[in-house]
Amino acid sequence: MPWLHAVTCAGVTSTTIMNWMKKGRTGKDAAYIAFFDAVKAAQSEYVESCLVGIKTHGLDSWQAMAWLLERMH
């Protein structure tokens, strides 16, 4: 689920989350920096888990690996 949808499900508006991310990116407040870093880490973990799934299916289906290679180049 895209993170903007996830925060909406949690009751946080997209405007609020974008403001928090901007404050974290600019590095002016430790709490916002920590939030920004946590969101980025969660995104990276999600991407990694998706890639593991594609690679796992690639063992049985060449199409999964072909799909991945198409998007790398």
Protein backbone atom coordinates (compact mmCIF):
# COMPACT_ATOMS: atom_id res chain seq x y z
CA MET A 1 0.00 0.00 0.00
CA PRO A 2 1.43 3.41 -0.87
CA TRP A 3 2.40 5.25 2.29
CA LEU A 4 0.07 8.18 1.61
CA HIS A 5 -2.84 5.73 1.62
CA ALA A 6 -1.51 4.11 4.78
CA VAL A 7 -1.40 7.37 6.70
CA THR A 8 -4.88 8.28 5.49
CA CYS A 9 -6.12 4.97 6.90
CA ALA A 10 -4.44 5.98 10.17
CA GLY A 11 -6.40 9.24 10.19
CA VAL A 12 -3.59 11.58 9.12
CA THR A 13 -4.26 13.91 6.20
CA SER A 14 -1.98 13.90 3.17
CA THR A 15 -1.24 17.59 3.76
CA THR A 16 -0.05 16.86 7.29
CA ILE A 17 2.16 13.96 6.24
CA MET A 18 3.69 15.96 3.40
CA ASN A 19 4.45 18.79 5.85
CA TRP A 20 6.03 16.34 8.31
CA MET A 21 8.15 14.82 5.53
CA LYS A 22 9.27 18.26 4.36
CA LYS A 23 10.25 19.23 7.90
CA GLY A 24 12.17 15.98 8.26
CA ARG A 25 13.92 16.42 4.92
CA THR A 26 15.05 19.95 5.80
CA GLY A 27 16.45 18.71 9.12
CA LYS A 28 15.17 21.40 11.45
CA ASP A 29 13.55 19.29 14.18
CA ALA A 30 14.78 15.97 15.57
CA ALA A 31 11.27 14.47 15.80
CA TYR A 32 10.51 15.19 12.14
CA ILE A 33 13.95 13.94 11.07
CA ALA A 34 13.31 10.68 12.93
CA PHE A 35 9.88 10.36 11.30
CA PHE A 36 11.33 11.05 7.84
CA ASP A 37 14.08 8.47 8.40
CA ALA A 38 11.56 5.89 9.62
CA VAL A 39 9.35 6.37 6.56
CA LYS A 40 12.33 6.05 4.22
CA ALA A 41 13.54 2.93 6.04
CA ALA A 42 10.06 1.36 5.84
CA GLN A 43 9.92 2.11 2.11
CA SER A 44 13.31 0.47 1.58
CA GLU A 45 12.28 -2.60 3.56
CA TYR A 46 9.10 -2.91 1.50
CA VAL A 47 10.99 -2.69 -1.77
CA GLU A 48 13.45 -5.30 -0.55
CA SER A 49 10.65 -7.69 0.45
CA CYS A 50 9.00 -7.24 -2.96
CA LEU A 51 12.26 -7.98 -4.74
CA VAL A 52 12.77 -11.12 -2.65
CA GLY A 53 9.28 -12.27 -3.66
CA ILE A 54 9.97 -11.64 -7.34
CA LYS A 55 13.30 -13.47 -7.12
CA THR A 56 11.67 -16.38 -5.32
CA HIS A 57 9.03 -16.70 -8.02
CA GLY A 58 11.79 -16.35 -10.59
CA LEU A 59 13.09 -19.74 -9.55
CA ASP A 60 9.92 -21.32 -10.98
CA SER A 61 8.95 -18.75 -13.59
CA TRP A 62 11.36 -16.95 -15.90
CA GLN A 63 8.72 -14.22 -16.42
CA ALA A 64 9.23 -12.91 -12.89
CA MET A 65 12.94 -12.40 -13.48
CA ALA A 66 12.33 -10.96 -16.96
CA TRP A 67 9.93 -8.46 -15.42
CA LEU A 68 12.55 -7.43 -12.90
CA LEU A 69 15.28 -7.10 -15.53
CA GLU A 70 13.02 -4.98 -17.75
CA ARG A 71 12.62 -2.46 -14.97
CA MET A 72 16.30 -2.32 -14.10
CA HIS A 73 17.42 -1.07 -17.50
